[in-house]
Amino acid sequence: MTGKASGRRVTSGDVAREAGVSRATVSYVLNESPHQKIAEGTRRRVWEAAAKLGYAPSAAARTLRTGRSSIVLGLLPDWPIEHVLGRLIQRLTSAFAEHELTFLVHSSAPPARPLREIWKAMTPAAVLALDEFPESEADAMRAVGIEVVMAVHGSVQGELRSPLVSEEPIGAVQARHLVASHRRLGYAYPDLTRLGALAQPRLDGVRKVCTELGLPEPDVRTVPLEPNGAAAAVKAWLAADPPVTGICAFNDELAMAVLAALRSLGLRAPQDLAVIGVDDIPGAALAQPPLTTVVRDTDAIARGLARRIVDTLDGKEVPADPIEDLLRVHVRESA
């Protein structure tokens, strides 16, 4: 256990000398060891000495004492880190902190260090990946004592199970909102293929609703975040037979690209084309017209993921079903 003060490393022995107690007493106090009868005045002197010297217990010492690391390593795929993903990372950090775990994030966006170098350097208690990763990598992690390896979307390759967080209900909620007034739906698909782990199940949700209600297959168009490409998609939807009148967009950014394309063509939402997004980003309320969107409870998702990790670490049985994701539609003028 070390810290830093006056340009040198501070040890628990330094704290003991400053407080006038034994090193064992310092260890008992700072580690809050149970079943130790230590006077309150002594405890106060130890904490004051530690604060004065700038002493901080080392993570390695804590790992030896508790038998496991306090780190949960979060693996991000090569996805854009925008408002929604940033919000999820913040919520996960807070959720794990409630269980005295530290959430550290590693992005695979190039030029990232090889994943194996990352987890070997810290040997976390658990690894939480947003997308799937190779089974061989998961096996190597478990072989060195990483107790829990989970994937939020997709799976650890080779494992057949439901995702921890299902995206399919999002598309279903979008479609059910639109089919009250629209009989032909379109889907605005992202032009980043690496987002398929999110986009494909959302599209599947739209397709299932259309099938259940006897509606035509949704007209799927890739919509880039640039004016000409978005306008081309809008023209194709309106020229379809029968024409598309309602759009489920992969997320709010694509939905706003569709709204911008409508304006550039002298058209309006929802009169010419109704549009619904996902995520309720800050700009959704400022879109022209304001965007109707599906809202997720990111805090509940983060707490659910943290609970699954903690319960698995503690050897408790965890459910196989996806974490409950309470969805609601924030209705605005676009749909």
C-alpha atoms as a PDB file:
ATOM      1  CA  MET A   1       0.000   0.000   0.000  1.00  0.00           C
ATOM      2  CA  THR A   2       1.565   3.221  -1.104  1.00  0.00           C
ATOM      3  CA  GLY A   3       0.828   6.830  -1.893  1.00  0.00           C
ATOM      4  CA  LYS A   4       2.843   9.958  -2.652  1.00  0.00           C
ATOM      5  CA  ALA A   5       3.889  12.909  -0.548  1.00  0.00           C
ATOM      6  CA  SER A   6       6.778  15.377  -0.783  1.00  0.00           C
ATOM      7  CA  GLY A   7       8.021  13.691  -3.953  1.00  0.00           C
ATOM      8  CA  ARG A   8       8.409  10.219  -2.421  1.00  0.00           C
ATOM      9  CA  ARG A   9       6.241   7.168  -2.003  1.00  0.00           C
ATOM     10  CA  VAL A  10       4.209   6.962   1.176  1.00  0.00           C
ATOM     11  CA  THR A  11       3.736   3.588   2.854  1.00  0.00           C
ATOM     12  CA  SER A  12       1.410   2.360   5.562  1.00  0.00           C
ATOM     13  CA  GLY A  13       4.489   2.501   7.832  1.00  0.00           C
ATOM     14  CA  ASP A  14       4.668   6.268   7.270  1.00  0.00           C
ATOM     15  CA  VAL A  15       1.021   6.565   8.264  1.00  0.00           C
ATOM     16  CA  ALA A  16       1.663   4.426  11.365  1.00  0.00           C
ATOM     17  CA  ARG A  17       4.547   6.648  12.490  1.00  0.00           C
ATOM     18  CA  GLU A  18       2.552   9.837  11.857  1.00  0.00           C
ATOM     19  CA  ALA A  19      -0.425   8.501  13.829  1.00  0.00           C
ATOM     20  CA  GLY A  20       1.680   6.868  16.554  1.00  0.00           C
ATOM     21  CA  VAL A  21       0.167   3.405  16.055  1.00  0.00           C
ATOM     22  CA  SER A  22       1.254   0.038  14.679  1.00  0.00           C
ATOM     23  CA  ARG A  23       1.153  -0.848  10.994  1.00  0.00           C
ATOM     24  CA  ALA A  24      -1.387  -3.544  11.817  1.00  0.00           C
ATOM     25  CA  THR A  25      -3.675  -0.915  13.312  1.00  0.00           C
ATOM     26  CA  VAL A  26      -3.321   1.215  10.169  1.00  0.00           C
ATOM     27  CA  SER A  27      -4.252  -1.794   8.058  1.00  0.00           C
ATOM     28  CA  TYR A  28      -7.282  -2.590  10.224  1.00  0.00           C
ATOM     29  CA  VAL A  29      -8.531   0.998  10.124  1.00  0.00           C
ATOM     30  CA  LEU A  30      -7.970   1.785   6.458  1.00  0.00           C
ATOM     31  CA  ASN A  31      -9.342  -1.560   5.320  1.00  0.00           C
ATOM     32  CA  GLU A  32     -12.259  -1.270   7.756  1.00  0.00           C
ATOM     33  CA  SER A  33     -11.560  -4.800   8.951  1.00  0.00           C
ATOM     34  CA  PRO A  34     -14.448  -6.304  10.931  1.00  0.00           C
ATOM     35  CA  HIS A  35     -14.203  -7.643  14.494  1.00  0.00           C
ATOM     36  CA  GLN A  36     -11.373  -5.268  15.492  1.00  0.00           C
ATOM     37  CA  LYS A  37     -11.885  -3.207  18.650  1.00  0.00           C
ATOM     38  CA  ILE A  38     -10.098   0.041  17.887  1.00  0.00           C
ATOM     39  CA  ALA A  39     -10.865   3.227  19.797  1.00  0.00           C
ATOM     40  CA  GLU A  40     -12.590   5.977  17.836  1.00  0.00           C
ATOM     41  CA  GLY A  41      -9.794   8.418  18.670  1.00  0.00           C
ATOM     42  CA  THR A  42      -7.230   6.019  17.201  1.00  0.00           C
ATOM     43  CA  ARG A  43      -9.276   5.598  14.053  1.00  0.00           C
ATOM     44  CA  ARG A  44      -9.508   9.346  13.666  1.00  0.00           C
ATOM     45  CA  ARG A  45      -5.714   9.771  14.041  1.00  0.00           C
ATOM     46  CA  VAL A  46      -5.078   7.136  11.370  1.00  0.00           C
ATOM     47  CA  TRP A  47      -7.444   8.751   8.864  1.00  0.00           C
ATOM     48  CA  GLU A  48      -6.047  12.213   9.565  1.00  0.00           C
ATOM     49  CA  ALA A  49      -2.482  10.946   9.108  1.00  0.00           C
ATOM     50  CA  ALA A  50      -3.382   9.218   5.838  1.00  0.00           C
ATOM     51  CA  ALA A  51      -5.016  12.394   4.528  1.00  0.00           C
ATOM     52  CA  LYS A  52      -2.088  14.569   5.603  1.00  0.00           C
ATOM     53  CA  LEU A  53       0.472  12.342   3.876  1.00  0.00           C
ATOM     54  CA  GLY A  54      -1.620  11.764   0.761  1.00  0.00           C
ATOM     55  CA  TYR A  55      -1.678   8.022   1.311  1.00  0.00           C
ATOM     56  CA  ALA A  56      -3.846   5.798  -0.914  1.00  0.00           C
ATOM     57  CA  PRO A  57      -4.151   1.993  -0.755  1.00  0.00           C
ATOM     58  CA  SER A  58      -2.931   0.210  -3.877  1.00  0.00           C
ATOM     59  CA  ALA A  59      -5.277  -1.745  -6.108  1.00  0.00           C
ATOM     60  CA  ALA A  60      -2.881  -4.699  -6.036  1.00  0.00           C
ATOM     61  CA  ALA A  61      -3.034  -4.862  -2.250  1.00  0.00           C
ATOM     62  CA  ARG A  62      -6.814  -4.730  -2.299  1.00  0.00           C
ATOM     63  CA  THR A  63      -6.909  -7.568  -4.830  1.00  0.00           C
ATOM     64  CA  LEU A  64      -4.698  -9.732  -2.596  1.00  0.00           C
ATOM     65  CA  ARG A  65      -6.837  -8.931   0.435  1.00  0.00           C
ATOM     66  CA  THR A  66     -10.266  -9.558  -1.118  1.00  0.00           C
ATOM     67  CA  GLY A  67      -9.288 -12.308  -3.525  1.00  0.00           C
ATOM     68  CA  ARG A  68     -10.454 -10.477  -6.640  1.00  0.00           C
ATOM     69  CA  SER A  69      -9.955  -7.283  -8.594  1.00  0.00           C
ATOM     70  CA  SER A  70     -12.420  -4.406  -8.252  1.00  0.00           C
ATOM     71  CA  ILE A  71     -12.215  -3.602 -11.966  1.00  0.00           C
ATOM     72  CA  VAL A  72     -14.872  -4.320 -14.564  1.00  0.00           C
ATOM     73  CA  LEU A  73     -13.436  -3.886 -18.042  1.00  0.00           C
ATOM     74  CA  GLY A  74     -15.909  -2.518 -20.586  1.00  0.00           C
ATOM     75  CA  LEU A  75     -15.134  -3.349 -24.214  1.00  0.00           C
ATOM     76  CA  LEU A  76     -16.525  -0.914 -26.760  1.00  0.00           C
ATOM     77  CA  PRO A  77     -16.744  -1.946 -30.410  1.00  0.00           C
ATOM     78  CA  ASP A  78     -15.779   0.466 -33.150  1.00  0.00           C
ATOM     79  CA  TRP A  79     -18.982   2.475 -32.757  1.00  0.00           C
ATOM     80  CA  PRO A  80     -19.334   6.261 -32.768  1.00  0.00           C
ATOM     81  CA  ILE A  81     -19.160   7.463 -29.154  1.00  0.00           C
ATOM     82  CA  GLU A  82     -21.982   9.949 -29.255  1.00  0.00           C
ATOM     83  CA  HIS A  83     -24.584  11.143 -26.771  1.00  0.00           C
ATOM     84  CA  VAL A  84     -26.363   7.816 -26.198  1.00  0.00           C
ATOM     85  CA  LEU A  85     -23.275   5.648 -25.785  1.00  0.00           C
ATOM     86  CA  GLY A  86     -21.662   8.302 -23.603  1.00  0.00           C
ATOM     87  CA  ARG A  87     -24.764   8.373 -21.398  1.00  0.00           C
ATOM     88  CA  LEU A  88     -24.685   4.564 -21.037  1.00  0.00           C
ATOM     89  CA  ILE A  89     -21.007   4.636 -20.028  1.00  0.00           C
ATOM     90  CA  GLN A  90     -21.767   7.265 -17.375  1.00  0.00           C
ATOM     91  CA  ARG A  91     -24.663   5.228 -16.011  1.00  0.00           C
ATOM     92  CA  LEU A  92     -22.618   2.024 -15.957  1.00  0.00           C
ATOM     93  CA  THR A  93     -19.795   3.795 -14.110  1.00  0.00           C
ATOM     94  CA  SER A  94     -22.248   4.929 -11.420  1.00  0.00           C
ATOM     95  CA  ALA A  95     -24.022   1.565 -11.237  1.00  0.00           C
ATOM     96  CA  PHE A  96     -20.784  -0.365 -10.706  1.00  0.00           C
ATOM     97  CA  ALA A  97     -19.550   2.209  -8.183  1.00  0.00           C
ATOM     98  CA  GLU A  98     -22.583   1.387  -6.019  1.00  0.00           C
ATOM     99  CA  HIS A  99     -21.107  -2.109  -5.742  1.00  0.00           C
ATOM    100  CA  GLU A 100     -17.576  -0.779  -5.053  1.00  0.00           C
ATOM    101  CA  LEU A 101     -16.445  -1.748  -8.549  1.00  0.00           C
ATOM    102  CA  THR A 102     -14.566   0.461 -11.000  1.00  0.00           C
ATOM    103  CA  PHE A 103     -15.741   0.475 -14.612  1.00  0.00           C
ATOM    104  CA  LEU A 104     -12.901   1.049 -17.085  1.00  0.00           C
ATOM    105  CA  VAL A 105     -13.604   1.344 -20.804  1.00  0.00           C
ATOM    106  CA  HIS A 106     -11.464   0.234 -23.755  1.00  0.00           C
ATOM    107  CA  SER A 107     -12.469   1.134 -27.302  1.00  0.00           C
ATOM    108  CA  SER A 108     -11.523  -1.125 -30.192  1.00  0.00           C
ATOM    109  CA  ALA A 109     -11.533   1.790 -32.636  1.00  0.00           C
ATOM    110  CA  PRO A 110      -8.214   1.782 -34.527  1.00  0.00           C
ATOM    111  CA  PRO A 111      -5.404   2.184 -33.755  1.00  0.00           C
ATOM    112  CA  ALA A 112      -6.286   0.464 -30.456  1.00  0.00           C
ATOM    113  CA  ARG A 113      -3.890  -1.820 -28.607  1.00  0.00           C
ATOM    114  CA  PRO A 114      -4.666  -5.527 -28.965  1.00  0.00           C
ATOM    115  CA  LEU A 115      -7.421  -6.557 -26.580  1.00  0.00           C
ATOM    116  CA  ARG A 116      -5.286  -9.273 -24.978  1.00  0.00           C
ATOM    117  CA  GLU A 117      -2.695  -6.717 -23.912  1.00  0.00           C
ATOM    118  CA  ILE A 118      -5.407  -4.730 -22.120  1.00  0.00           C
ATOM    119  CA  TRP A 119      -6.949  -7.462 -19.993  1.00  0.00           C
ATOM    120  CA  LYS A 120      -3.583  -9.060 -19.233  1.00  0.00           C
ATOM    121  CA  ALA A 121      -2.335  -5.746 -17.862  1.00  0.00           C
ATOM    122  CA  MET A 122      -5.173  -5.377 -15.325  1.00  0.00           C
ATOM    123  CA  THR A 123      -6.749  -8.851 -14.876  1.00  0.00           C
ATOM    124  CA  PRO A 124     -10.224  -7.464 -14.151  1.00  0.00           C
ATOM    125  CA  ALA A 125     -12.847  -9.300 -12.137  1.00  0.00           C
ATOM    126  CA  ALA A 126     -15.227  -9.181 -15.087  1.00  0.00           C
ATOM    127  CA  VAL A 127     -15.396  -8.153 -18.721  1.00  0.00           C
ATOM    128  CA  LEU A 128     -18.528  -6.587 -20.204  1.00  0.00           C
ATOM    129  CA  ALA A 129     -18.502  -6.255 -23.991  1.00  0.00           C
ATOM    130  CA  LEU A 130     -21.109  -4.251 -25.865  1.00  0.00           C
ATOM    131  CA  ASP A 131     -20.741  -6.441 -28.950  1.00  0.00           C
ATOM    132  CA  GLU A 132     -19.712 -10.067 -29.392  1.00  0.00           C
ATOM    133  CA  PHE A 133     -16.077 -11.124 -29.352  1.00  0.00           C
ATOM    134  CA  PRO A 134     -14.229 -14.361 -30.174  1.00  0.00           C
ATOM    135  CA  GLU A 135     -14.798 -17.432 -28.013  1.00  0.00           C
ATOM    136  CA  SER A 136     -11.027 -18.033 -27.982  1.00  0.00           C
ATOM    137  CA  GLU A 137     -10.538 -14.633 -26.339  1.00  0.00           C
ATOM    138  CA  ALA A 138     -13.186 -15.429 -23.707  1.00  0.00           C
ATOM    139  CA  ASP A 139     -11.534 -18.787 -22.974  1.00  0.00           C
ATOM    140  CA  ALA A 140      -8.152 -17.104 -22.552  1.00  0.00           C
ATOM    141  CA  MET A 141      -9.669 -14.594 -20.099  1.00  0.00           C
ATOM    142  CA  ARG A 142     -11.274 -17.318 -17.996  1.00  0.00           C
ATOM    143  CA  ALA A 143      -8.018 -19.297 -17.985  1.00  0.00           C
ATOM    144  CA  VAL A 144      -6.223 -16.489 -16.122  1.00  0.00           C
ATOM    145  CA  GLY A 145      -8.974 -16.070 -13.542  1.00  0.00           C
ATOM    146  CA  ILE A 146     -11.280 -13.451 -15.044  1.00  0.00           C
ATOM    147  CA  GLU A 147     -14.468 -14.764 -13.505  1.00  0.00           C
ATOM    148  CA  VAL A 148     -17.187 -13.234 -15.672  1.00  0.00           C
ATOM    149  CA  VAL A 149     -17.226 -12.581 -19.405  1.00  0.00           C
ATOM    150  CA  MET A 150     -20.490 -11.159 -20.770  1.00  0.00           C
ATOM    151  CA  ALA A 151     -21.630  -9.568 -24.021  1.00  0.00           C
ATOM    152  CA  VAL A 152     -24.516  -7.083 -24.083  1.00  0.00           C
ATOM    153  CA  HIS A 153     -25.407  -7.395 -27.780  1.00  0.00           C
ATOM    154  CA  GLY A 154     -24.833 -10.555 -29.757  1.00  0.00           C
ATOM    155  CA  SER A 155     -22.990 -13.024 -27.558  1.00  0.00           C
ATOM    156  CA  VAL A 156     -19.616 -14.396 -26.683  1.00  0.00           C
ATOM    157  CA  GLN A 157     -19.151 -16.343 -29.902  1.00  0.00           C
ATOM    158  CA  GLY A 158     -20.030 -19.987 -29.451  1.00  0.00           C
ATOM    159  CA  GLU A 159     -22.619 -19.310 -26.731  1.00  0.00           C
ATOM    160  CA  LEU A 160     -26.282 -19.629 -27.695  1.00  0.00           C
ATOM    161  CA  ARG A 161     -28.295 -17.315 -25.469  1.00  0.00           C
ATOM    162  CA  SER A 162     -30.446 -14.228 -25.604  1.00  0.00           C
ATOM    163  CA  PRO A 163     -28.689 -10.842 -25.593  1.00  0.00           C
ATOM    164  CA  LEU A 164     -28.476  -9.102 -22.226  1.00  0.00           C
ATOM    165  CA  VAL A 165     -30.291  -6.119 -23.754  1.00  0.00           C
ATOM    166  CA  SER A 166     -32.690  -6.768 -26.618  1.00  0.00           C
ATOM    167  CA  GLU A 167     -33.003  -4.222 -29.430  1.00  0.00           C
ATOM    168  CA  GLU A 168     -35.914  -5.896 -31.205  1.00  0.00           C
ATOM    169  CA  PRO A 169     -38.634  -4.367 -28.974  1.00  0.00           C
ATOM    170  CA  ILE A 170     -37.492  -0.891 -30.039  1.00  0.00           C
ATOM    171  CA  GLY A 171     -38.425  -1.513 -33.668  1.00  0.00           C
ATOM    172  CA  ALA A 172     -41.706  -3.066 -32.569  1.00  0.00           C
ATOM    173  CA  VAL A 173     -42.590   0.011 -30.503  1.00  0.00           C
ATOM    174  CA  GLN A 174     -41.784   2.289 -33.439  1.00  0.00           C
ATOM    175  CA  ALA A 175     -43.908   0.264 -35.828  1.00  0.00           C
ATOM    176  CA  ARG A 176     -46.883  -0.006 -33.467  1.00  0.00           C
ATOM    177  CA  HIS A 177     -46.885   3.758 -33.048  1.00  0.00           C
ATOM    178  CA  LEU A 178     -46.983   4.338 -36.807  1.00  0.00           C
ATOM    179  CA  VAL A 179     -49.400   1.619 -37.915  1.00  0.00           C
ATOM    180  CA  ALA A 180     -52.298   3.372 -36.221  1.00  0.00           C
ATOM    181  CA  SER A 181     -52.255   5.784 -39.196  1.00  0.00           C
ATOM    182  CA  HIS A 182     -49.889   4.249 -41.779  1.00  0.00           C
ATOM    183  CA  ARG A 183     -50.179   1.015 -43.781  1.00  0.00           C
ATOM    184  CA  ARG A 184     -46.780   1.032 -45.525  1.00  0.00           C
ATOM    185  CA  LEU A 185     -43.657   1.546 -43.451  1.00  0.00           C
ATOM    186  CA  GLY A 186     -40.069   2.210 -44.386  1.00  0.00           C
ATOM    187  CA  TYR A 187     -36.910   1.662 -42.339  1.00  0.00           C
ATOM    188  CA  ALA A 188     -33.949   4.055 -42.333  1.00  0.00           C
ATOM    189  CA  TYR A 189     -30.898   1.792 -41.936  1.00  0.00           C
ATOM    190  CA  PRO A 190     -27.455   3.198 -40.995  1.00  0.00           C
ATOM    191  CA  ASP A 191     -24.657   3.157 -43.560  1.00  0.00           C
ATOM    192  CA  LEU A 192     -22.120   1.976 -40.946  1.00  0.00           C
ATOM    193  CA  THR A 193     -22.085  -1.814 -41.232  1.00  0.00           C
ATOM    194  CA  ARG A 194     -20.494  -2.151 -37.798  1.00  0.00           C
ATOM    195  CA  LEU A 195     -23.769  -0.947 -36.264  1.00  0.00           C
ATOM    196  CA  GLY A 196     -25.558  -4.043 -37.527  1.00  0.00           C
ATOM    197  CA  ALA A 197     -25.666  -5.600 -34.038  1.00  0.00           C
ATOM    198  CA  LEU A 198     -28.110  -2.824 -33.104  1.00  0.00           C
ATOM    199  CA  ALA A 199     -29.792  -2.039 -36.423  1.00  0.00           C
ATOM    200  CA  GLN A 200     -30.686  -5.552 -37.558  1.00  0.00           C
ATOM    201  CA  PRO A 201     -32.708  -6.574 -34.478  1.00  0.00           C
ATOM    202  CA  ARG A 202     -34.504  -3.206 -34.484  1.00  0.00           C
ATOM    203  CA  LEU A 203     -35.448  -3.815 -38.119  1.00  0.00           C
ATOM    204  CA  ASP A 204     -36.563  -7.346 -37.165  1.00  0.00           C
ATOM    205  CA  GLY A 205     -38.944  -5.792 -34.639  1.00  0.00           C
ATOM    206  CA  VAL A 206     -40.523  -3.623 -37.343  1.00  0.00           C
ATOM    207  CA  ARG A 207     -40.838  -6.623 -39.660  1.00  0.00           C
ATOM    208  CA  LYS A 208     -42.557  -8.736 -36.994  1.00  0.00           C
ATOM    209  CA  VAL A 209     -45.220  -6.101 -36.374  1.00  0.00           C
ATOM    210  CA  CYS A 210     -45.864  -5.747 -40.119  1.00  0.00           C
ATOM    211  CA  THR A 211     -46.195  -9.523 -40.456  1.00  0.00           C
ATOM    212  CA  GLU A 212     -48.536  -9.778 -37.466  1.00  0.00           C
ATOM    213  CA  LEU A 213     -50.835  -7.107 -38.911  1.00  0.00           C
ATOM    214  CA  GLY A 214     -50.732  -8.355 -42.494  1.00  0.00           C
ATOM    215  CA  LEU A 215     -48.925  -5.258 -43.753  1.00  0.00           C
ATOM    216  CA  PRO A 216     -46.349  -5.211 -46.569  1.00  0.00           C
ATOM    217  CA  GLU A 217     -42.705  -5.875 -45.791  1.00  0.00           C
ATOM    218  CA  PRO A 218     -41.042  -2.615 -44.646  1.00  0.00           C
ATOM    219  CA  ASP A 219     -39.137  -0.814 -47.385  1.00  0.00           C
ATOM    220  CA  VAL A 220     -35.540  -0.718 -46.099  1.00  0.00           C
ATOM    221  CA  ARG A 221     -33.215   2.020 -47.340  1.00  0.00           C
ATOM    222  CA  THR A 222     -29.687   2.816 -46.230  1.00  0.00           C
ATOM    223  CA  VAL A 223     -29.620   6.465 -45.194  1.00  0.00           C
ATOM    224  CA  PRO A 224     -26.249   8.225 -44.992  1.00  0.00           C
ATOM    225  CA  LEU A 225     -25.807  11.300 -42.821  1.00  0.00           C
ATOM    226  CA  GLU A 226     -25.464  13.584 -45.823  1.00  0.00           C
ATOM    227  CA  PRO A 227     -28.130  15.544 -47.743  1.00  0.00           C
ATOM    228  CA  ASN A 228     -28.051  13.934 -51.201  1.00  0.00           C
ATOM    229  CA  GLY A 229     -28.134  10.366 -49.948  1.00  0.00           C
ATOM    230  CA  ALA A 230     -30.944  11.062 -47.498  1.00  0.00           C
ATOM    231  CA  ALA A 231     -32.953  12.855 -50.197  1.00  0.00           C
ATOM    232  CA  ALA A 232     -32.503   9.885 -52.553  1.00  0.00           C
ATOM    233  CA  ALA A 233     -33.929   7.554 -49.885  1.00  0.00           C
ATOM    234  CA  VAL A 234     -36.942   9.825 -49.345  1.00  0.00           C
ATOM    235  CA  LYS A 235     -37.653   9.951 -53.092  1.00  0.00           C
ATOM    236  CA  ALA A 236     -37.469   6.152 -53.304  1.00  0.00           C
ATOM    237  CA  TRP A 237     -39.898   5.707 -50.417  1.00  0.00           C
ATOM    238  CA  LEU A 238     -42.440   8.094 -51.931  1.00  0.00           C
ATOM    239  CA  ALA A 239     -42.105   6.428 -55.359  1.00  0.00           C
ATOM    240  CA  ALA A 240     -42.706   2.915 -53.978  1.00  0.00           C
ATOM    241  CA  ASP A 241     -45.887   1.040 -54.868  1.00  0.00           C
ATOM    242  CA  PRO A 242     -47.754   1.488 -52.610  1.00  0.00           C
ATOM    243  CA  PRO A 243     -45.891   4.564 -51.384  1.00  0.00           C
ATOM    244  CA  VAL A 244     -44.298   4.561 -47.944  1.00  0.00           C
ATOM    245  CA  THR A 245     -45.932   7.010 -45.540  1.00  0.00           C
ATOM    246  CA  GLY A 246     -44.210   6.249 -42.227  1.00  0.00           C
ATOM    247  CA  ILE A 247     -40.490   5.851 -41.437  1.00  0.00           C
ATOM    248  CA  CYS A 248     -38.927   3.979 -38.514  1.00  0.00           C
ATOM    249  CA  ALA A 249     -35.370   5.315 -38.273  1.00  0.00           C
ATOM    250  CA  PHE A 250     -32.489   3.424 -36.659  1.00  0.00           C
ATOM    251  CA  ASN A 251     -31.830   6.370 -34.346  1.00  0.00           C
ATOM    252  CA  ASP A 252     -32.531  10.064 -33.949  1.00  0.00           C
ATOM    253  CA  GLU A 253     -29.609  11.156 -36.142  1.00  0.00           C
ATOM    254  CA  LEU A 254     -30.973   9.221 -39.111  1.00  0.00           C
ATOM    255  CA  ALA A 255     -34.493  10.420 -38.373  1.00  0.00           C
ATOM    256  CA  MET A 256     -33.300  14.034 -38.455  1.00  0.00           C
ATOM    257  CA  ALA A 257     -31.472  13.349 -41.724  1.00  0.00           C
ATOM    258  CA  VAL A 258     -34.812  12.201 -43.178  1.00  0.00           C
ATOM    259  CA  LEU A 259     -36.533  15.347 -41.852  1.00  0.00           C
ATOM    260  CA  ALA A 260     -33.828  17.530 -43.407  1.00  0.00           C
ATOM    261  CA  ALA A 261     -34.218  15.690 -46.723  1.00  0.00           C
ATOM    262  CA  LEU A 262     -37.976  16.282 -46.668  1.00  0.00           C
ATOM    263  CA  ARG A 263     -37.441  20.014 -46.180  1.00  0.00           C
ATOM    264  CA  SER A 264     -34.911  20.135 -49.019  1.00  0.00           C
ATOM    265  CA  LEU A 265     -37.509  18.565 -51.314  1.00  0.00           C
ATOM    266  CA  GLY A 266     -40.227  21.023 -50.273  1.00  0.00           C
ATOM    267  CA  LEU A 267     -42.072  18.318 -48.324  1.00  0.00           C
ATOM    268  CA  ARG A 268     -43.272  18.128 -44.740  1.00  0.00           C
ATOM    269  CA  ALA A 269     -43.510  15.679 -41.853  1.00  0.00           C
ATOM    270  CA  PRO A 270     -45.876  14.145 -40.962  1.00  0.00           C
ATOM    271  CA  GLN A 271     -48.086  15.224 -43.902  1.00  0.00           C
ATOM    272  CA  ASP A 272     -45.859  13.679 -46.604  1.00  0.00           C
ATOM    273  CA  LEU A 273     -43.862  11.247 -44.488  1.00  0.00           C
ATOM    274  CA  ALA A 274     -44.156  10.559 -40.751  1.00  0.00           C
ATOM    275  CA  VAL A 275     -40.850   9.879 -38.975  1.00  0.00           C
ATOM    276  CA  ILE A 276     -40.000   8.285 -35.628  1.00  0.00           C
ATOM    277  CA  GLY A 277     -36.489   7.957 -34.170  1.00  0.00           C
ATOM    278  CA  VAL A 278     -34.827   6.311 -31.162  1.00  0.00           C
ATOM    279  CA  ASP A 279     -32.932   7.684 -28.132  1.00  0.00           C
ATOM    280  CA  ASP A 280     -34.395  11.167 -27.564  1.00  0.00           C
ATOM    281  CA  ILE A 281     -31.078  12.942 -27.976  1.00  0.00           C
ATOM    282  CA  PRO A 282     -31.019  16.654 -27.013  1.00  0.00           C
ATOM    283  CA  GLY A 283     -31.390  17.748 -30.629  1.00  0.00           C
ATOM    284  CA  ALA A 284     -34.595  15.740 -31.147  1.00  0.00           C
ATOM    285  CA  ALA A 285     -36.755  18.442 -29.562  1.00  0.00           C
ATOM    286  CA  LEU A 286     -35.049  21.083 -31.729  1.00  0.00           C
ATOM    287  CA  ALA A 287     -35.590  19.301 -35.048  1.00  0.00           C
ATOM    288  CA  GLN A 288     -37.947  20.801 -37.632  1.00  0.00           C
ATOM    289  CA  PRO A 289     -40.522  19.581 -36.923  1.00  0.00           C
ATOM    290  CA  PRO A 290     -39.720  18.304 -33.388  1.00  0.00           C
ATOM    291  CA  LEU A 291     -38.979  14.589 -33.580  1.00  0.00           C
ATOM    292  CA  THR A 292     -41.137  11.810 -32.173  1.00  0.00           C
ATOM    293  CA  THR A 293     -38.802   9.232 -30.669  1.00  0.00           C
ATOM    294  CA  VAL A 294     -38.534   6.076 -28.551  1.00  0.00           C
ATOM    295  CA  VAL A 295     -37.048   6.704 -25.109  1.00  0.00           C
ATOM    296  CA  ARG A 296     -35.075   4.067 -23.194  1.00  0.00           C
ATOM    297  CA  ASP A 297     -34.418   3.913 -19.460  1.00  0.00           C
ATOM    298  CA  THR A 298     -30.617   3.936 -19.652  1.00  0.00           C
ATOM    299  CA  ASP A 299     -30.268   4.013 -15.878  1.00  0.00           C
ATOM    300  CA  ALA A 300     -32.347   0.845 -15.483  1.00  0.00           C
ATOM    301  CA  ILE A 301     -30.297  -0.891 -18.183  1.00  0.00           C
ATOM    302  CA  ALA A 302     -27.028   0.065 -16.480  1.00  0.00           C
ATOM    303  CA  ARG A 303     -28.236  -1.071 -13.062  1.00  0.00           C
ATOM    304  CA  GLY A 304     -29.481  -4.333 -14.554  1.00  0.00           C
ATOM    305  CA  LEU A 305     -26.143  -5.030 -16.239  1.00  0.00           C
ATOM    306  CA  ALA A 306     -24.233  -4.226 -13.052  1.00  0.00           C
ATOM    307  CA  ARG A 307     -26.521  -6.522 -11.057  1.00  0.00           C
ATOM    308  CA  ARG A 308     -25.967  -9.410 -13.491  1.00  0.00           C
ATOM    309  CA  ILE A 309     -22.199  -8.978 -13.194  1.00  0.00           C
ATOM    310  CA  VAL A 310     -22.205  -8.696  -9.392  1.00  0.00           C
ATOM    311  CA  ASP A 311     -24.561 -11.640  -8.872  1.00  0.00           C
ATOM    312  CA  THR A 312     -22.457 -13.816 -11.176  1.00  0.00           C
ATOM    313  CA  LEU A 313     -19.292 -12.818  -9.305  1.00  0.00           C
ATOM    314  CA  ASP A 314     -21.018 -13.787  -6.059  1.00  0.00           C
ATOM    315  CA  GLY A 315     -21.993 -17.174  -7.438  1.00  0.00           C
ATOM    316  CA  LYS A 316     -25.712 -16.412  -7.560  1.00  0.00           C
ATOM    317  CA  GLU A 317     -28.030 -17.739 -10.223  1.00  0.00           C
ATOM    318  CA  VAL A 318     -28.924 -15.083 -12.793  1.00  0.00           C
ATOM    319  CA  PRO A 319     -31.889 -15.132 -15.178  1.00  0.00           C
ATOM    320  CA  ALA A 320     -31.362 -15.920 -18.852  1.00  0.00           C
ATOM    321  CA  ASP A 321     -33.942 -13.402 -20.033  1.00  0.00           C
ATOM    322  CA  PRO A 322     -32.872  -9.982 -21.316  1.00  0.00           C
ATOM    323  CA  ILE A 323     -32.803  -7.113 -18.847  1.00  0.00           C
ATOM    324  CA  GLU A 324     -36.128  -5.308 -18.738  1.00  0.00           C
ATOM    325  CA  ASP A 325     -35.987  -2.219 -20.941  1.00  0.00           C
ATOM    326  CA  LEU A 326     -38.938   0.063 -20.251  1.00  0.00           C
ATOM    327  CA  LEU A 327     -39.672   1.833 -23.520  1.00  0.00           C
ATOM    328  CA  ARG A 328     -41.965   4.766 -24.138  1.00  0.00           C
ATOM    329  CA  VAL A 329     -42.752   6.980 -27.095  1.00  0.00           C
ATOM    330  CA  HIS A 330     -42.136  10.708 -26.705  1.00  0.00           C
ATOM    331  CA  VAL A 331     -44.710  12.010 -29.150  1.00  0.00           C
ATOM    332  CA  ARG A 332     -43.842  15.219 -30.980  1.00  0.00           C
ATOM    333  CA  GLU A 333     -44.900  16.682 -34.315  1.00  0.00           C
ATOM    334  CA  SER A 334     -42.963  14.435 -36.744  1.00  0.00           C
ATOM    335  CA  ALA A 335     -45.245  11.429 -36.146  1.00  0.00           C
END
